[in-house]
């Protein structure tokens, strides 16, 4: 089955992992709608790169932690799909947008906890709910989790707990959307050097050495290690992969 004219919505697609996902999807022939929180210029640069590959693209502003804004976003998405892509549906939803948080349990505040909850769990849950009616039968959902649901690193309790919830949510999506032949899977990146969490890993040489020492392939990940895995799940090659958690970590803490 051809990917031409299939459309993927990638949240947080202006940089880092989301940018690489968007570009890898375009290389496989999909059109892409990406969202950005505040970096409009970066988002437009990604749109230009996708168009240079030969696919259609659009960028829409979205704060995934602002659940009340999702109705208006869905309306904007519909209008964009009609005007730019001549359709009313998307085929794939990639819930990637997020923020980092490194706080010990003893230091966690309710405000910080709620912020992470809204971005990483409630936001994903209700944005997905809003997008399901816009999805074509036979499409797919890819939720981005983390290696931290399997390997416990102090300071990531809230973030990892929300990602654990996403992994369970994904199984329920696969079950409830099975009648429509919509698949739902999780990609769980290991430690990746991007500007995520303020460049937490990228700026810390000692942490990089530690990650390298516990990773079978001997290095931290980079954004380009992840996008292709997500793109694969949005192709016919992955048609029988459903309700799975695929960790892309180079063999971290095996």
Protein backbone atom coordinates (compact mmCIF):
# COMPACT_ATOMS: atom_id res chain seq x y z
CA UNK A 1 0.00 0.00 0.00
CA UNK A 2 1.34 3.38 -1.01
CA UNK A 3 2.04 6.07 1.60
CA UNK A 4 1.28 8.83 -0.89
CA UNK A 5 -1.37 11.26 0.34
CA UNK A 6 -1.32 9.68 3.81
CA UNK A 7 -1.02 12.32 6.49
CA UNK A 8 0.72 12.15 9.88
CA UNK A 9 0.18 14.64 12.69
CA UNK A 10 3.34 15.01 14.80
CA UNK A 11 3.11 17.01 18.02
CA UNK A 12 6.26 18.86 19.00
CA UNK A 13 7.63 18.57 15.49
CA UNK A 14 9.72 21.74 15.30
CA UNK A 15 12.93 20.32 16.81
CA UNK A 16 14.64 17.35 18.41
CA UNK A 17 12.99 13.95 18.11
CA UNK A 18 9.78 15.33 16.62
CA UNK A 19 11.65 17.09 13.82
CA UNK A 20 13.47 13.89 12.90
CA UNK A 21 10.19 11.94 12.99
CA UNK A 22 8.56 14.48 10.66
CA UNK A 23 11.45 14.31 8.18
CA UNK A 24 11.62 10.48 8.22
CA UNK A 25 7.86 10.29 7.63
CA UNK A 26 8.21 12.63 4.65
CA UNK A 27 11.03 10.47 3.26
CA UNK A 28 8.57 7.56 3.29
CA UNK A 29 6.15 9.60 1.21
CA UNK A 30 3.76 10.81 3.91
CA UNK A 31 2.49 14.36 4.22
CA UNK A 32 2.97 15.93 7.65
CA UNK A 33 1.16 18.35 9.93
CA UNK A 34 3.44 19.28 12.82
CA UNK A 35 2.70 21.27 15.94
CA UNK A 36 4.97 23.65 17.80
CA UNK A 37 4.60 25.36 21.17
CA UNK A 38 6.50 28.64 20.68
CA UNK A 39 9.15 28.18 17.98
CA UNK A 40 7.15 29.23 14.91
CA UNK A 41 10.24 29.96 12.80
CA UNK A 42 11.82 26.58 13.58
CA UNK A 43 8.53 24.89 12.69
CA UNK A 44 8.37 26.69 9.34
CA UNK A 45 11.95 25.59 8.63
CA UNK A 46 10.89 21.96 9.13
CA UNK A 47 7.89 22.54 6.83
CA UNK A 48 10.30 23.85 4.17
CA UNK A 49 12.57 20.80 4.59
CA UNK A 50 9.59 18.45 4.21
CA UNK A 51 8.42 20.28 1.08
CA UNK A 52 11.96 20.02 -0.32
CA UNK A 53 11.67 16.22 0.08
CA UNK A 54 8.50 16.37 -2.02
CA UNK A 55 5.75 16.00 0.58
CA UNK A 56 3.15 18.51 1.72
CA UNK A 57 3.45 20.01 5.19
CA UNK A 58 1.87 22.52 7.57
CA UNK A 59 2.67 23.77 11.07
CA UNK A 60 0.08 24.62 13.74
CA UNK A 61 0.59 26.15 17.18
CA UNK A 62 -0.42 23.92 20.11
CA UNK A 63 0.26 23.83 23.84
CA UNK A 64 -0.29 20.16 24.71
CA UNK A 65 -0.64 21.08 28.39
CA UNK A 66 -3.64 23.34 27.71
CA UNK A 67 -6.43 20.77 27.41
CA UNK A 68 -9.16 23.43 27.05
CA UNK A 69 -7.58 24.59 23.77
CA UNK A 70 -7.96 21.24 22.01
CA UNK A 71 -11.42 21.93 20.59
CA UNK A 72 -10.17 25.04 18.82
CA UNK A 73 -7.07 23.15 17.70
CA UNK A 74 -9.19 20.36 16.19
CA UNK A 75 -11.18 22.99 14.25
CA UNK A 76 -7.95 24.58 13.03
CA UNK A 77 -6.59 21.17 12.04
CA UNK A 78 -9.76 20.40 10.05
CA UNK A 79 -9.54 23.74 8.23
CA UNK A 80 -5.86 23.15 7.41
CA UNK A 81 -6.53 19.61 6.17
CA UNK A 82 -9.27 20.91 3.87
CA UNK A 83 -7.37 23.92 2.52
CA UNK A 84 -3.85 22.50 2.19
CA UNK A 85 -4.31 18.74 1.82
CA UNK A 86 -7.77 18.53 0.22
CA UNK A 87 -8.99 16.02 2.82
CA UNK A 88 -10.76 15.95 6.18
CA UNK A 89 -8.75 13.14 7.77
CA UNK A 90 -5.33 12.25 9.11
CA UNK A 91 -3.97 8.70 8.98
CA UNK A 92 -1.43 8.74 11.80
CA UNK A 93 -1.10 10.56 15.12
CA UNK A 94 2.31 10.78 16.80
CA UNK A 95 2.08 12.07 20.37
CA UNK A 96 5.64 13.30 20.84
CA UNK A 97 5.49 16.79 22.41
CA UNK A 98 6.80 17.04 25.93
CA UNK A 99 9.06 18.65 28.49
CA UNK A 100 11.68 17.25 30.82
CA UNK A 101 11.52 17.32 34.62
CA UNK A 102 14.27 16.21 36.98
CA UNK A 103 13.09 16.52 40.58
CA UNK A 104 13.47 14.17 43.53
CA UNK A 105 10.29 12.85 45.14
CA UNK A 106 11.13 14.76 48.33
CA UNK A 107 11.30 18.04 46.39
CA UNK A 108 8.25 17.59 44.15
CA UNK A 109 5.52 20.23 44.38
CA UNK A 110 1.92 19.73 43.37
CA UNK A 111 2.27 22.54 40.82
CA UNK A 112 5.21 20.84 39.09
CA UNK A 113 3.46 17.48 39.24
CA UNK A 114 0.30 18.88 37.65
CA UNK A 115 2.32 20.55 34.90
CA UNK A 116 3.89 17.22 33.93
CA UNK A 117 0.56 15.44 34.30
CA UNK A 118 -1.13 17.85 31.88
CA UNK A 119 1.60 17.70 29.24
CA UNK A 120 2.50 14.02 29.36
CA UNK A 121 -0.73 12.28 30.28
CA UNK A 122 -3.93 14.33 30.28
CA UNK A 123 -2.82 16.25 27.20
CA UNK A 124 -2.00 13.08 25.28
CA UNK A 125 -5.22 11.38 26.42
CA UNK A 126 -7.58 14.18 25.44
CA UNK A 127 -5.76 15.30 22.30
CA UNK A 128 -5.97 11.71 21.09
CA UNK A 129 -9.69 11.68 21.97
CA UNK A 130 -10.16 14.82 19.85
CA UNK A 131 -8.16 13.39 16.92
CA UNK A 132 -9.79 9.94 16.76
CA UNK A 133 -12.87 11.21 14.86
CA UNK A 134 -10.49 12.82 12.32
CA UNK A 135 -8.54 9.59 11.75
CA UNK A 136 -8.99 7.33 8.75
CA UNK A 137 -9.77 3.67 9.39
CA UNK A 138 -6.62 1.56 9.02
CA UNK A 139 -4.33 4.29 10.35
CA UNK A 140 -2.23 4.32 13.49
CA UNK A 141 -1.22 6.06 16.70
CA UNK A 142 2.35 6.19 18.01
CA UNK A 143 2.83 7.40 21.58
CA UNK A 144 6.31 8.38 22.69
CA UNK A 145 7.28 7.02 26.09
CA UNK A 146 10.72 6.66 27.68
CA UNK A 147 13.33 4.14 28.74
CA UNK A 148 12.64 5.52 32.23
CA UNK A 149 9.51 3.35 32.54
CA UNK A 150 11.82 0.31 32.59
CA UNK A 151 15.00 1.72 34.17
CA UNK A 152 14.52 3.84 37.29
CA UNK A 153 16.71 6.95 37.51
CA UNK A 154 16.29 9.13 40.63
CA UNK A 155 14.69 12.48 39.82
CA UNK A 156 12.35 11.17 37.12
CA UNK A 157 9.54 9.73 39.27
CA UNK A 158 6.71 11.99 38.04
CA UNK A 159 7.77 12.05 34.37
CA UNK A 160 8.29 8.28 34.25
CA UNK A 161 5.00 7.60 36.03
CA UNK A 162 3.11 9.62 33.40
CA UNK A 163 4.92 7.72 30.64
CA UNK A 164 3.95 4.46 32.35
CA UNK A 165 0.34 5.63 32.19
CA UNK A 166 0.77 6.36 28.47
CA UNK A 167 2.02 2.81 27.88
CA UNK A 168 -1.14 1.41 29.51
CA UNK A 169 -3.33 3.91 27.63
CA UNK A 170 -1.79 2.72 24.35
CA UNK A 171 -2.95 -0.86 24.95
CA UNK A 172 -6.48 0.39 25.55
CA UNK A 173 -6.35 2.46 22.35
CA UNK A 174 -5.32 -0.65 20.41
CA UNK A 175 -8.21 -2.61 21.92
CA UNK A 176 -10.92 0.05 21.51
CA UNK A 177 -9.87 1.14 18.01
CA UNK A 178 -9.26 -2.38 16.69
CA UNK A 179 -12.66 -2.47 14.99
CA UNK A 180 -11.52 0.45 12.85
CA UNK A 181 -8.19 -1.29 12.12
CA UNK A 182 -6.33 1.57 13.82
CA UNK A 183 -3.14 0.34 15.46
CA UNK A 184 -1.56 1.89 18.57
CA UNK A 185 2.05 1.42 19.62
CA UNK A 186 4.67 2.94 21.93
CA UNK A 187 8.19 3.97 21.01
CA UNK A 188 10.36 4.38 24.12
CA UNK A 189 13.62 6.24 23.42
CA UNK A 190 16.56 5.72 25.75
CA UNK A 191 18.84 8.61 26.74
CA UNK A 192 18.99 10.95 23.72
CA UNK A 193 21.21 14.00 23.21
CA UNK A 194 18.81 16.78 22.20
CA UNK A 195 17.82 20.09 23.81
CA UNK A 196 15.10 18.16 25.71
CA UNK A 197 15.03 19.08 29.40
CA UNK A 198 17.32 22.04 28.74
CA UNK A 199 19.92 19.83 27.04
CA UNK A 200 20.20 17.80 30.28
CA UNK A 201 22.23 14.97 28.70
CA UNK A 202 23.84 16.91 25.86
CA UNK A 203 25.53 19.34 28.26
CA UNK A 204 26.75 16.78 30.82
CA UNK A 205 29.87 14.88 29.79
CA UNK A 206 29.91 12.70 32.90
CA UNK A 207 26.32 11.64 32.30
CA UNK A 208 27.16 10.83 28.68
CA UNK A 209 30.02 8.59 29.86
CA UNK A 210 27.72 6.85 32.33
CA UNK A 211 25.01 6.26 29.69
CA UNK A 212 27.64 4.94 27.28
CA UNK A 213 28.92 2.53 29.95
CA UNK A 214 25.48 0.94 30.51
CA UNK A 215 24.50 0.82 26.83
CA UNK A 216 25.40 -2.23 24.76
CA UNK A 217 26.16 -0.12 21.68
CA UNK A 218 28.40 2.13 23.78
CA UNK A 219 27.02 5.64 23.23
CA UNK A 220 24.07 7.88 24.08
CA UNK A 221 21.35 8.19 21.45
CA UNK A 222 20.81 11.03 18.99
CA UNK A 223 17.54 12.23 17.45
CA UNK A 224 18.29 10.40 14.20
CA UNK A 225 18.13 7.07 16.07
CA UNK A 226 14.42 7.46 16.77
CA UNK A 227 12.60 9.04 13.82
CA UNK A 228 12.98 6.03 11.54
CA UNK A 229 11.41 3.70 14.12
CA UNK A 230 8.34 5.94 14.34
CA UNK A 231 8.17 6.27 10.54
CA UNK A 232 8.32 2.47 10.17
CA UNK A 233 5.26 2.13 12.43
CA UNK A 234 3.39 4.43 10.03
CA UNK A 235 3.89 2.15 7.04
CA UNK A 236 2.31 -1.00 5.70
CA UNK A 237 5.45 -2.91 6.76
CA UNK A 238 4.23 -2.52 10.36
CA UNK A 239 0.60 -3.46 9.68
CA UNK A 240 0.71 -6.41 12.14
CA UNK A 241 2.54 -4.55 14.92
CA UNK A 242 -0.07 -3.49 17.48
CA UNK A 243 -0.18 -2.69 21.22
CA UNK A 244 3.62 -2.99 21.44
CA UNK A 245 6.30 -1.06 23.34
CA UNK A 246 9.42 -0.73 21.18
CA UNK A 247 12.40 0.55 23.10
CA UNK A 248 15.04 2.32 21.01
CA UNK A 249 17.90 2.71 23.46
CA UNK A 250 20.89 0.91 21.93
CA UNK A 251 20.48 -1.80 24.55
CA UNK A 252 20.50 0.35 27.71
CA UNK A 253 20.79 -1.44 31.08
CA UNK A 254 19.97 -4.84 29.61
